[in-house]
Amino acid sequence: MRILDAVSRRLNVCLLLAFCILLLCFGQARAEEARLTDIVVTNDEDYLLLYFSVTDCFTEEMKKAIDNGINTTFTFFVRLEAVRNLWWDRDIADLKVSHDIKYDSLKKVYTVNFSPKEERDGISVKDFEEAKRAMSEIIGLKVTELKNLKRGDRYQISMMAELDKIRLPFYFHYIFFFLSLWDFETDWYTVDFRY
């Protein structure tokens, strides 16, 4: 009986060490954190517009999963507030937009679809780099109408991006537990400006 207990303990320790090594390997593969870059807040005649990109958001594991037919969604959150002294800030806009990517292995085409709020059509491309760029860029998002802003007032726009959790059919999430290791969420980025 004591021999079986000793073997069982050693087996448990070996399994725990193997699991820790696996986590370290995946953690090092994702050493770079996803972040927002190239943030531009501007306007046209009628709307406040926002542009930005997400960098370091794709890993090799993500590409493999996409190439194997797993649909992937990036969700972008944008908040606009009027900054007021001695009072709570006033919410003006709270937007949520998403980009979806799907790979068709028969046609060898990546299809990227955008939220209706972005007012742009989806694209189909054969090049993964082009699909990555489309997935990770917000181009001219209409945050609010200029009539909602007051000349001379201070405003703050905040944005962040996240990869939606992968939803696999039935019990596959137990088999492919490692997919959660490539979920990402950026920090909130804030830009202060005066209109």
N, C-alpha and C. Protein backbone atom coordinates (compact mmCIF):
# COMPACT_ATOMS: atom_id res chain seq x y z
N MET A 1 0.82 -1.20 0.00
CA MET A 1 0.00 0.00 0.00
C MET A 1 0.86 1.25 0.00
N ARG A 2 1.95 1.24 0.80
CA ARG A 2 2.83 2.40 0.87
C ARG A 2 3.53 2.63 -0.46
N ILE A 3 3.82 1.56 -1.15
CA ILE A 3 4.48 1.69 -2.46
C ILE A 3 3.54 2.37 -3.44
N LEU A 4 2.27 2.00 -3.44
CA LEU A 4 1.28 2.64 -4.32
C LEU A 4 1.11 4.12 -3.99
N ASP A 5 1.10 4.49 -2.71
CA ASP A 5 0.98 5.89 -2.30
C ASP A 5 2.18 6.69 -2.80
N ALA A 6 3.38 6.11 -2.66
CA ALA A 6 4.60 6.80 -3.10
C ALA A 6 4.58 6.99 -4.62
N VAL A 7 4.18 5.97 -5.36
CA VAL A 7 4.10 6.07 -6.81
C VAL A 7 3.05 7.10 -7.21
N SER A 8 1.91 7.10 -6.52
CA SER A 8 0.85 8.05 -6.81
C SER A 8 1.31 9.49 -6.56
N ARG A 9 2.03 9.73 -5.47
CA ARG A 9 2.55 11.08 -5.18
C ARG A 9 3.54 11.52 -6.25
N ARG A 10 4.43 10.63 -6.63
CA ARG A 10 5.42 10.97 -7.66
C ARG A 10 4.74 11.28 -9.00
N LEU A 11 3.73 10.49 -9.33
CA LEU A 11 3.00 10.73 -10.56
C LEU A 11 2.30 12.10 -10.51
N ASN A 12 1.69 12.42 -9.38
CA ASN A 12 1.04 13.73 -9.22
C ASN A 12 2.03 14.87 -9.35
N VAL A 13 3.20 14.72 -8.75
CA VAL A 13 4.24 15.76 -8.83
C VAL A 13 4.71 15.91 -10.28
N CYS A 14 4.91 14.80 -10.97
CA CYS A 14 5.35 14.85 -12.38
C CYS A 14 4.30 15.54 -13.26
N LEU A 15 3.04 15.20 -13.05
CA LEU A 15 1.97 15.83 -13.82
C LEU A 15 1.89 17.33 -13.53
N LEU A 16 2.04 17.71 -12.28
CA LEU A 16 2.01 19.13 -11.92
C LEU A 16 3.17 19.88 -12.56
N LEU A 17 4.36 19.29 -12.54
CA LEU A 17 5.52 19.92 -13.17
C LEU A 17 5.33 20.04 -14.69
N ALA A 18 4.80 19.01 -15.31
CA ALA A 18 4.55 19.05 -16.76
C ALA A 18 3.55 20.16 -17.10
N PHE A 19 2.51 20.29 -16.29
CA PHE A 19 1.51 21.33 -16.52
C PHE A 19 2.13 22.72 -16.36
N CYS A 20 2.96 22.91 -15.34
CA CYS A 20 3.62 24.21 -15.12
C CYS A 20 4.54 24.56 -16.28
N ILE A 21 5.28 23.57 -16.77
CA ILE A 21 6.17 23.81 -17.92
C ILE A 21 5.35 24.19 -19.15
N LEU A 22 4.23 23.52 -19.35
CA LEU A 22 3.35 23.85 -20.47
C LEU A 22 2.84 25.29 -20.37
N LEU A 23 2.42 25.69 -19.18
CA LEU A 23 1.95 27.07 -18.98
C LEU A 23 3.06 28.08 -19.23
N LEU A 24 4.28 27.78 -18.77
CA LEU A 24 5.41 28.69 -19.01
C LEU A 24 5.71 28.83 -20.49
N CYS A 25 5.66 27.72 -21.21
CA CYS A 25 5.93 27.77 -22.66
C CYS A 25 4.91 28.64 -23.37
N PHE A 26 3.63 28.45 -23.06
CA PHE A 26 2.59 29.27 -23.68
C PHE A 26 2.71 30.72 -23.24
N GLY A 27 3.05 30.96 -21.99
CA GLY A 27 3.19 32.32 -21.48
C GLY A 27 4.31 33.06 -22.19
N GLN A 28 5.42 32.37 -22.47
CA GLN A 28 6.52 33.01 -23.17
C GLN A 28 6.16 33.27 -24.63
N ALA A 29 5.34 32.40 -25.21
CA ALA A 29 4.93 32.61 -26.60
C ALA A 29 4.10 33.89 -26.72
N ARG A 30 3.41 34.30 -25.64
CA ARG A 30 2.59 35.50 -25.66
C ARG A 30 3.26 36.65 -24.92
N ALA A 31 4.57 36.67 -24.86
CA ALA A 31 5.28 37.66 -24.06
C ALA A 31 4.89 39.08 -24.44
N GLU A 32 4.61 39.30 -25.69
CA GLU A 32 4.22 40.63 -26.12
C GLU A 32 2.75 40.85 -25.81
N GLU A 33 2.45 41.96 -25.18
CA GLU A 33 1.08 42.29 -24.83
C GLU A 33 0.43 43.07 -25.95
N ALA A 34 -0.82 42.75 -26.22
CA ALA A 34 -1.58 43.52 -27.21
C ALA A 34 -1.77 44.94 -26.68
N ARG A 35 -1.65 45.92 -27.58
CA ARG A 35 -1.80 47.33 -27.19
C ARG A 35 -2.37 48.14 -28.34
N LEU A 36 -2.92 49.29 -28.01
CA LEU A 36 -3.47 50.19 -29.02
C LEU A 36 -2.40 51.18 -29.45
N THR A 37 -2.35 51.45 -30.76
CA THR A 37 -1.39 52.40 -31.30
C THR A 37 -2.07 53.26 -32.36
N ASP A 38 -1.35 54.25 -32.84
CA ASP A 38 -1.81 55.12 -33.93
C ASP A 38 -3.18 55.71 -33.65
N ILE A 39 -3.40 56.18 -32.42
CA ILE A 39 -4.70 56.73 -32.04
C ILE A 39 -4.83 58.15 -32.57
N VAL A 40 -5.90 58.38 -33.33
CA VAL A 40 -6.18 59.71 -33.88
C VAL A 40 -7.65 60.04 -33.61
N VAL A 41 -7.87 61.21 -33.00
CA VAL A 41 -9.22 61.72 -32.79
C VAL A 41 -9.35 62.96 -33.65
N THR A 42 -10.31 62.96 -34.56
CA THR A 42 -10.49 64.08 -35.48
C THR A 42 -11.97 64.24 -35.77
N ASN A 43 -12.30 65.08 -36.71
CA ASN A 43 -13.71 65.23 -37.07
C ASN A 43 -13.83 65.58 -38.55
N ASP A 44 -15.03 65.31 -39.07
CA ASP A 44 -15.39 65.81 -40.39
C ASP A 44 -16.43 66.90 -40.16
N GLU A 45 -17.25 67.20 -41.12
CA GLU A 45 -18.23 68.28 -40.95
C GLU A 45 -19.30 67.95 -39.92
N ASP A 46 -19.62 66.66 -39.74
CA ASP A 46 -20.75 66.29 -38.90
C ASP A 46 -20.42 65.43 -37.68
N TYR A 47 -19.31 64.68 -37.72
CA TYR A 47 -19.05 63.68 -36.69
C TYR A 47 -17.65 63.79 -36.09
N LEU A 48 -17.54 63.35 -34.83
CA LEU A 48 -16.24 63.12 -34.20
C LEU A 48 -15.80 61.73 -34.65
N LEU A 49 -14.59 61.61 -35.19
CA LEU A 49 -14.11 60.36 -35.77
C LEU A 49 -12.93 59.81 -34.98
N LEU A 50 -12.82 58.49 -34.94
CA LEU A 50 -11.75 57.84 -34.21
C LEU A 50 -11.05 56.82 -35.10
N TYR A 51 -9.72 56.83 -35.04
CA TYR A 51 -8.89 55.86 -35.75
C TYR A 51 -7.90 55.27 -34.73
N PHE A 52 -7.67 53.96 -34.79
CA PHE A 52 -6.59 53.34 -34.01
C PHE A 52 -6.36 51.92 -34.50
N SER A 53 -5.24 51.34 -34.05
CA SER A 53 -4.87 49.97 -34.42
C SER A 53 -4.52 49.19 -33.16
N VAL A 54 -4.68 47.88 -33.23
CA VAL A 54 -4.24 46.99 -32.16
C VAL A 54 -3.01 46.26 -32.68
N THR A 55 -1.92 46.29 -31.92
CA THR A 55 -0.70 45.59 -32.33
C THR A 55 -0.42 44.45 -31.37
N ASP A 56 0.35 43.49 -31.84
CA ASP A 56 0.76 42.31 -31.07
C ASP A 56 -0.44 41.53 -30.54
N CYS A 57 -1.48 41.43 -31.36
CA CYS A 57 -2.69 40.74 -30.90
C CYS A 57 -2.83 39.34 -31.50
N PHE A 58 -2.03 39.01 -32.51
CA PHE A 58 -2.11 37.69 -33.12
C PHE A 58 -0.90 36.86 -32.73
N THR A 59 -1.15 35.64 -32.29
CA THR A 59 -0.08 34.69 -31.99
C THR A 59 -0.14 33.57 -33.03
N GLU A 60 0.87 32.75 -33.04
CA GLU A 60 0.89 31.62 -33.96
C GLU A 60 -0.25 30.65 -33.65
N GLU A 61 -0.57 30.50 -32.36
CA GLU A 61 -1.68 29.61 -31.97
C GLU A 61 -3.01 30.13 -32.52
N MET A 62 -3.18 31.46 -32.51
CA MET A 62 -4.41 32.05 -33.04
C MET A 62 -4.53 31.78 -34.53
N LYS A 63 -3.43 31.96 -35.26
CA LYS A 63 -3.47 31.72 -36.70
C LYS A 63 -3.83 30.26 -36.99
N LYS A 64 -3.23 29.35 -36.24
CA LYS A 64 -3.55 27.93 -36.44
C LYS A 64 -5.02 27.66 -36.16
N ALA A 65 -5.54 28.23 -35.09
CA ALA A 65 -6.95 28.02 -34.76
C ALA A 65 -7.87 28.59 -35.84
N ILE A 66 -7.55 29.79 -36.33
CA ILE A 66 -8.35 30.42 -37.40
C ILE A 66 -8.29 29.56 -38.65
N ASP A 67 -7.07 29.11 -39.01
CA ASP A 67 -6.90 28.26 -40.20
C ASP A 67 -7.63 26.92 -40.06
N ASN A 68 -7.91 26.51 -38.84
CA ASN A 68 -8.65 25.27 -38.60
C ASN A 68 -10.16 25.50 -38.46
N GLY A 69 -10.60 26.72 -38.78
CA GLY A 69 -12.04 26.97 -38.84
C GLY A 69 -12.68 27.57 -37.61
N ILE A 70 -11.88 27.96 -36.62
CA ILE A 70 -12.46 28.57 -35.42
C ILE A 70 -12.72 30.05 -35.71
N ASN A 71 -13.98 30.47 -35.65
CA ASN A 71 -14.32 31.87 -35.86
C ASN A 71 -13.78 32.70 -34.70
N THR A 72 -13.24 33.86 -35.01
CA THR A 72 -12.62 34.70 -34.00
C THR A 72 -13.21 36.09 -34.10
N THR A 73 -13.46 36.71 -32.94
CA THR A 73 -14.06 38.04 -32.90
C THR A 73 -13.24 38.96 -32.01
N PHE A 74 -12.90 40.14 -32.54
CA PHE A 74 -12.32 41.21 -31.74
C PHE A 74 -13.45 42.17 -31.42
N THR A 75 -13.54 42.59 -30.17
CA THR A 75 -14.54 43.57 -29.77
C THR A 75 -13.82 44.82 -29.29
N PHE A 76 -14.28 45.97 -29.76
CA PHE A 76 -13.68 47.26 -29.41
C PHE A 76 -14.71 48.07 -28.62
N PHE A 77 -14.27 48.65 -27.53
CA PHE A 77 -15.13 49.47 -26.69
C PHE A 77 -14.62 50.91 -26.73
N VAL A 78 -15.53 51.86 -26.92
CA VAL A 78 -15.18 53.28 -26.99
C VAL A 78 -16.15 54.06 -26.12
N ARG A 79 -15.61 54.93 -25.26
CA ARG A 79 -16.44 55.80 -24.41
C ARG A 79 -16.01 57.24 -24.61
N LEU A 80 -16.98 58.13 -24.69
CA LEU A 80 -16.72 59.56 -24.78
C LEU A 80 -17.43 60.25 -23.63
N GLU A 81 -16.68 61.07 -22.89
CA GLU A 81 -17.25 61.80 -21.76
C GLU A 81 -16.88 63.27 -21.83
N ALA A 82 -17.78 64.12 -21.36
CA ALA A 82 -17.47 65.53 -21.17
C ALA A 82 -16.85 65.66 -19.78
N VAL A 83 -15.66 66.26 -19.70
CA VAL A 83 -14.96 66.42 -18.43
C VAL A 83 -15.48 67.69 -17.76
N ARG A 84 -15.99 67.53 -16.53
CA ARG A 84 -16.55 68.68 -15.81
C ARG A 84 -15.85 68.81 -14.46
N ASN A 85 -15.44 70.02 -14.13
CA ASN A 85 -14.79 70.29 -12.84
C ASN A 85 -15.84 70.29 -11.74
N LEU A 86 -15.46 69.77 -10.59
CA LEU A 86 -16.31 69.77 -9.40
C LEU A 86 -17.63 69.03 -9.60
N TRP A 87 -17.69 68.15 -10.58
CA TRP A 87 -18.90 67.40 -10.84
C TRP A 87 -18.51 66.13 -11.58
N TRP A 88 -19.40 65.13 -11.60
CA TRP A 88 -19.11 63.91 -12.34
C TRP A 88 -19.08 64.20 -13.84
N ASP A 89 -18.22 63.46 -14.52
CA ASP A 89 -18.15 63.59 -15.98
C ASP A 89 -19.47 63.12 -16.59
N ARG A 90 -19.82 63.72 -17.72
CA ARG A 90 -21.08 63.39 -18.39
C ARG A 90 -20.80 62.44 -19.55
N ASP A 91 -21.51 61.30 -19.58
CA ASP A 91 -21.36 60.34 -20.69
C ASP A 91 -22.03 60.89 -21.94
N ILE A 92 -21.31 60.81 -23.06
CA ILE A 92 -21.87 61.26 -24.33
C ILE A 92 -22.08 60.07 -25.26
N ALA A 93 -21.09 59.16 -25.31
CA ALA A 93 -21.21 57.99 -26.19
C ALA A 93 -20.56 56.79 -25.52
N ASP A 94 -21.14 55.63 -25.76
CA ASP A 94 -20.62 54.36 -25.26
C ASP A 94 -20.84 53.34 -26.37
N LEU A 95 -19.78 53.05 -27.13
CA LEU A 95 -19.91 52.21 -28.32
C LEU A 95 -19.22 50.86 -28.14
N LYS A 96 -19.77 49.89 -28.82
CA LYS A 96 -19.17 48.55 -28.86
C LYS A 96 -19.25 48.09 -30.31
N VAL A 97 -18.10 47.86 -30.93
CA VAL A 97 -18.06 47.37 -32.31
C VAL A 97 -17.21 46.11 -32.35
N SER A 98 -17.47 45.27 -33.35
CA SER A 98 -16.71 44.03 -33.44
C SER A 98 -16.28 43.73 -34.86
N HIS A 99 -15.18 42.97 -34.95
CA HIS A 99 -14.66 42.47 -36.21
C HIS A 99 -14.59 40.95 -36.08
N ASP A 100 -15.13 40.24 -37.08
CA ASP A 100 -15.11 38.78 -37.08
C ASP A 100 -14.27 38.28 -38.24
N ILE A 101 -13.50 37.22 -37.98
CA ILE A 101 -12.72 36.60 -39.06
C ILE A 101 -13.08 35.13 -39.13
N LYS A 102 -13.19 34.66 -40.37
CA LYS A 102 -13.51 33.25 -40.63
C LYS A 102 -12.69 32.81 -41.83
N TYR A 103 -12.15 31.61 -41.76
CA TYR A 103 -11.36 31.08 -42.86
C TYR A 103 -12.15 29.99 -43.58
N ASP A 104 -12.21 30.10 -44.90
CA ASP A 104 -12.84 29.08 -45.74
C ASP A 104 -11.71 28.25 -46.34
N SER A 105 -11.54 27.03 -45.83
CA SER A 105 -10.42 26.19 -46.26
C SER A 105 -10.57 25.67 -47.69
N LEU A 106 -11.81 25.60 -48.21
CA LEU A 106 -12.00 25.17 -49.59
C LEU A 106 -11.57 26.25 -50.58
N LYS A 107 -12.00 27.48 -50.32
CA LYS A 107 -11.63 28.60 -51.20
C LYS A 107 -10.29 29.22 -50.83
N LYS A 108 -9.78 28.86 -49.64
CA LYS A 108 -8.53 29.43 -49.11
C LYS A 108 -8.64 30.96 -49.03
N VAL A 109 -9.73 31.41 -48.37
CA VAL A 109 -10.04 32.84 -48.27
C VAL A 109 -10.39 33.18 -46.82
N TYR A 110 -9.85 34.30 -46.35
CA TYR A 110 -10.21 34.84 -45.04
C TYR A 110 -11.29 35.88 -45.26
N THR A 111 -12.39 35.78 -44.52
CA THR A 111 -13.47 36.76 -44.61
C THR A 111 -13.53 37.53 -43.30
N VAL A 112 -13.45 38.86 -43.40
CA VAL A 112 -13.52 39.73 -42.23
C VAL A 112 -14.80 40.55 -42.35
N ASN A 113 -15.63 40.50 -41.32
CA ASN A 113 -16.87 41.29 -41.28
C ASN A 113 -16.78 42.32 -40.17
N PHE A 114 -17.42 43.47 -40.39
CA PHE A 114 -17.37 44.59 -39.45
C PHE A 114 -18.77 44.88 -38.92
N SER A 115 -18.83 45.52 -37.75
CA SER A 115 -20.11 45.94 -37.17
C SER A 115 -20.79 46.94 -38.09
N PRO A 116 -22.12 46.93 -38.11
CA PRO A 116 -22.84 47.92 -38.93
C PRO A 116 -22.52 49.36 -38.55
N LYS A 117 -22.14 49.62 -37.30
CA LYS A 117 -21.81 50.98 -36.86
C LYS A 117 -20.62 51.56 -37.61
N GLU A 118 -19.78 50.70 -38.16
CA GLU A 118 -18.58 51.18 -38.86
C GLU A 118 -18.87 51.59 -40.30
N GLU A 119 -20.02 51.23 -40.79
CA GLU A 119 -20.44 51.62 -42.13
C GLU A 119 -19.40 51.26 -43.20
N ARG A 120 -18.84 50.06 -43.09
CA ARG A 120 -17.96 49.57 -44.15
C ARG A 120 -18.27 48.10 -44.39
N ASP A 121 -18.04 47.69 -45.63
CA ASP A 121 -18.37 46.34 -46.04
C ASP A 121 -17.28 45.37 -45.60
N GLY A 122 -17.68 44.12 -45.39
CA GLY A 122 -16.71 43.08 -45.10
C GLY A 122 -15.81 42.83 -46.29
N ILE A 123 -14.68 42.19 -46.03
CA ILE A 123 -13.73 41.91 -47.10
C ILE A 123 -13.40 40.42 -47.11
N SER A 124 -13.00 39.92 -48.26
CA SER A 124 -12.50 38.56 -48.41
C SER A 124 -11.14 38.64 -49.08
N VAL A 125 -10.12 38.09 -48.42
CA VAL A 125 -8.75 38.15 -48.92
C VAL A 125 -8.08 36.80 -48.76
N LYS A 126 -7.08 36.54 -49.59
CA LYS A 126 -6.31 35.29 -49.50
C LYS A 126 -5.10 35.44 -48.58
N ASP A 127 -4.65 36.68 -48.37
CA ASP A 127 -3.45 36.96 -47.58
C ASP A 127 -3.81 37.17 -46.11
N PHE A 128 -3.21 36.37 -45.22
CA PHE A 128 -3.51 36.49 -43.79
C PHE A 128 -3.07 37.83 -43.23
N GLU A 129 -1.96 38.37 -43.72
CA GLU A 129 -1.49 39.68 -43.23
C GLU A 129 -2.51 40.77 -43.50
N GLU A 130 -3.13 40.74 -44.65
CA GLU A 130 -4.17 41.72 -44.97
C GLU A 130 -5.40 41.52 -44.09
N ALA A 131 -5.75 40.28 -43.83
CA ALA A 131 -6.89 39.99 -42.95
C ALA A 131 -6.58 40.46 -41.52
N LYS A 132 -5.35 40.24 -41.05
CA LYS A 132 -4.94 40.71 -39.73
C LYS A 132 -5.08 42.21 -39.61
N ARG A 133 -4.62 42.92 -40.63
CA ARG A 133 -4.69 44.39 -40.62
C ARG A 133 -6.14 44.85 -40.55
N ALA A 134 -7.01 44.23 -41.33
CA ALA A 134 -8.43 44.61 -41.31
C ALA A 134 -9.05 44.30 -39.95
N MET A 135 -8.67 43.19 -39.34
CA MET A 135 -9.22 42.82 -38.04
C MET A 135 -8.81 43.79 -36.94
N SER A 136 -7.61 44.33 -37.04
CA SER A 136 -7.05 45.10 -35.93
C SER A 136 -7.12 46.61 -36.09
N GLU A 137 -7.80 47.12 -37.12
CA GLU A 137 -7.88 48.57 -37.32
C GLU A 137 -9.30 49.09 -37.20
N ILE A 138 -9.42 50.19 -36.50
CA ILE A 138 -10.66 50.97 -36.49
C ILE A 138 -10.41 52.18 -37.36
N ILE A 139 -11.23 52.33 -38.40
CA ILE A 139 -11.00 53.40 -39.38
C ILE A 139 -12.22 54.30 -39.44
N GLY A 140 -12.06 55.53 -38.96
CA GLY A 140 -13.11 56.54 -39.08
C GLY A 140 -14.40 56.17 -38.37
N LEU A 141 -14.31 55.61 -37.18
CA LEU A 141 -15.50 55.27 -36.41
C LEU A 141 -16.20 56.57 -35.99
N LYS A 142 -17.49 56.68 -36.31
CA LYS A 142 -18.27 57.86 -35.93
C LYS A 142 -18.68 57.71 -34.47
N VAL A 143 -18.03 58.49 -33.60
CA VAL A 143 -18.27 58.38 -32.17
C VAL A 143 -19.54 59.11 -31.76
N THR A 144 -19.70 60.34 -32.23
CA THR A 144 -20.90 61.12 -31.95
C THR A 144 -21.00 62.26 -32.95
N GLU A 145 -22.19 62.82 -33.04
CA GLU A 145 -22.37 63.99 -33.89
C GLU A 145 -21.76 65.20 -33.20
N LEU A 146 -21.21 66.11 -33.99
CA LEU A 146 -20.57 67.30 -33.42
C LEU A 146 -21.56 68.19 -32.68
N LYS A 147 -22.83 68.10 -33.01
CA LYS A 147 -23.82 68.92 -32.32
C LYS A 147 -23.95 68.52 -30.85
N ASN A 148 -23.43 67.33 -30.47
CA ASN A 148 -23.45 66.89 -29.07
C ASN A 148 -22.27 67.43 -28.27
N LEU A 149 -21.35 68.12 -28.95
CA LEU A 149 -20.17 68.69 -28.29
C LEU A 149 -20.31 70.20 -28.23
N LYS A 150 -19.69 70.80 -27.23
CA LYS A 150 -19.78 72.25 -27.03
C LYS A 150 -18.40 72.86 -27.22
N ARG A 151 -18.31 73.90 -28.01
CA ARG A 151 -17.03 74.58 -28.28
C ARG A 151 -16.35 75.01 -26.99
N GLY A 152 -15.05 74.72 -26.89
CA GLY A 152 -14.25 75.14 -25.73
C GLY A 152 -14.27 74.17 -24.56
N ASP A 153 -15.18 73.19 -24.56
CA ASP A 153 -15.27 72.24 -23.46
C ASP A 153 -14.22 71.15 -23.59
N ARG A 154 -13.89 70.53 -22.44
CA ARG A 154 -12.92 69.43 -22.40
C ARG A 154 -13.65 68.10 -22.51
N TYR A 155 -13.03 67.16 -23.24
CA TYR A 155 -13.61 65.84 -23.44
C TYR A 155 -12.53 64.79 -23.26
N GLN A 156 -12.99 63.58 -22.99
CA GLN A 156 -12.08 62.45 -22.81
C GLN A 156 -12.67 61.26 -23.56
N ILE A 157 -11.85 60.68 -24.44
CA ILE A 157 -12.29 59.49 -25.17
C ILE A 157 -11.40 58.33 -24.72
N SER A 158 -12.04 57.21 -24.36
CA SER A 158 -11.32 56.03 -23.89
C SER A 158 -11.67 54.86 -24.79
N MET A 159 -10.69 53.99 -25.03
CA MET A 159 -10.91 52.85 -25.90
C MET A 159 -10.10 51.65 -25.44
N MET A 160 -10.60 50.47 -25.74
CA MET A 160 -9.88 49.22 -25.47
C MET A 160 -10.37 48.15 -26.42
N ALA A 161 -9.60 47.07 -26.53
CA ALA A 161 -9.96 45.96 -27.42
C ALA A 161 -9.79 44.65 -26.67
N GLU A 162 -10.60 43.67 -27.06
CA GLU A 162 -10.45 42.34 -26.48
C GLU A 162 -10.81 41.29 -27.52
N LEU A 163 -10.21 40.13 -27.34
CA LEU A 163 -10.56 38.98 -28.14
C LEU A 163 -11.67 38.26 -27.40
N ASP A 164 -12.80 38.06 -28.07
CA ASP A 164 -13.90 37.35 -27.42
C ASP A 164 -13.48 35.94 -27.09
N LYS A 165 -13.98 35.44 -26.01
CA LYS A 165 -13.68 34.08 -25.59
C LYS A 165 -14.15 33.11 -26.67
N ILE A 166 -13.34 32.10 -26.92
CA ILE A 166 -13.67 31.10 -27.93
C ILE A 166 -14.78 30.20 -27.40
N ARG A 167 -15.80 30.04 -28.21
CA ARG A 167 -16.91 29.16 -27.83
C ARG A 167 -16.88 27.93 -28.72
N LEU A 168 -16.49 26.83 -28.13
CA LEU A 168 -16.41 25.58 -28.88
C LEU A 168 -17.66 24.74 -28.61
N PRO A 169 -18.02 23.89 -29.56
CA PRO A 169 -19.20 23.05 -29.36
C PRO A 169 -19.02 22.07 -28.20
N PHE A 170 -20.06 21.88 -27.46
CA PHE A 170 -20.24 20.90 -26.39
C PHE A 170 -18.99 20.71 -25.53
N TYR A 171 -18.41 19.51 -25.47
CA TYR A 171 -17.31 19.24 -24.54
C TYR A 171 -15.93 19.55 -25.10
N PHE A 172 -15.85 20.15 -26.28
CA PHE A 172 -14.54 20.45 -26.85
C PHE A 172 -13.75 21.43 -26.00
N HIS A 173 -14.43 22.30 -25.23
CA HIS A 173 -13.70 23.27 -24.41
C HIS A 173 -12.88 22.56 -23.32
N TYR A 174 -13.25 21.32 -22.97
CA TYR A 174 -12.42 20.55 -22.03
C TYR A 174 -11.17 20.02 -22.73
N ILE A 175 -11.30 19.66 -23.98
CA ILE A 175 -10.17 19.11 -24.73
C ILE A 175 -9.20 20.22 -25.11
N PHE A 176 -9.74 21.36 -25.57
CA PHE A 176 -8.90 22.46 -26.05
C PHE A 176 -8.81 23.58 -25.01
N PHE A 177 -8.53 23.23 -23.75
CA PHE A 177 -8.44 24.22 -22.69
C PHE A 177 -7.36 25.26 -22.98
N PHE A 178 -6.34 24.91 -23.74
CA PHE A 178 -5.22 25.81 -24.00
C PHE A 178 -5.62 27.02 -24.82
N LEU A 179 -6.77 26.99 -25.50
CA LEU A 179 -7.20 28.15 -26.29
C LEU A 179 -7.41 29.37 -25.41
N SER A 180 -7.74 29.18 -24.16
CA SER A 180 -7.92 30.34 -23.27
C SER A 180 -6.60 31.06 -23.05
N LEU A 181 -5.49 30.42 -23.31
CA LEU A 181 -4.19 31.05 -23.11
C LEU A 181 -3.90 32.12 -24.16
N TRP A 182 -4.66 32.16 -25.27
CA TRP A 182 -4.41 33.24 -26.23
C TRP A 182 -5.54 34.25 -26.28
N ASP A 183 -6.39 34.27 -25.28
CA ASP A 183 -7.35 35.36 -25.15
C ASP A 183 -6.56 36.61 -24.77
N PHE A 184 -6.99 37.77 -25.24
CA PHE A 184 -6.29 38.99 -24.84
C PHE A 184 -7.29 40.10 -24.56
N GLU A 185 -6.81 41.07 -23.84
CA GLU A 185 -7.57 42.27 -23.55
C GLU A 185 -6.54 43.37 -23.36
N THR A 186 -6.70 44.49 -24.08
CA THR A 186 -5.76 45.59 -23.92
C THR A 186 -6.15 46.40 -22.70
N ASP A 187 -5.24 47.26 -22.28
CA ASP A 187 -5.57 48.25 -21.27
C ASP A 187 -6.50 49.29 -21.90
N TRP A 188 -7.14 50.09 -21.06
CA TRP A 188 -7.90 51.23 -21.55
C TRP A 188 -6.92 52.33 -21.91
N TYR A 189 -7.11 52.95 -23.07
CA TYR A 189 -6.29 54.08 -23.50
C TYR A 189 -7.20 55.31 -23.53
N THR A 190 -6.68 56.43 -23.06
CA THR A 190 -7.50 57.63 -22.94
C THR A 190 -6.82 58.80 -23.63
N VAL A 191 -7.60 59.58 -24.34
CA VAL A 191 -7.12 60.80 -25.01
C VAL A 191 -7.98 61.96 -24.50
N ASP A 192 -7.34 62.99 -23.97
CA ASP A 192 -8.04 64.20 -23.55
C ASP A 192 -7.95 65.21 -24.69
N PHE A 193 -9.02 65.91 -24.94
CA PHE A 193 -8.98 66.94 -25.99
C PHE A 193 -10.01 68.02 -25.70
N ARG A 194 -9.83 69.15 -26.34
CA ARG A 194 -10.76 70.27 -26.26
C ARG A 194 -11.39 70.45 -27.62
N TYR A 195 -12.68 70.62 -27.66
CA TYR A 195 -13.37 70.79 -28.95
C TYR A 195 -13.36 72.25 -29.34
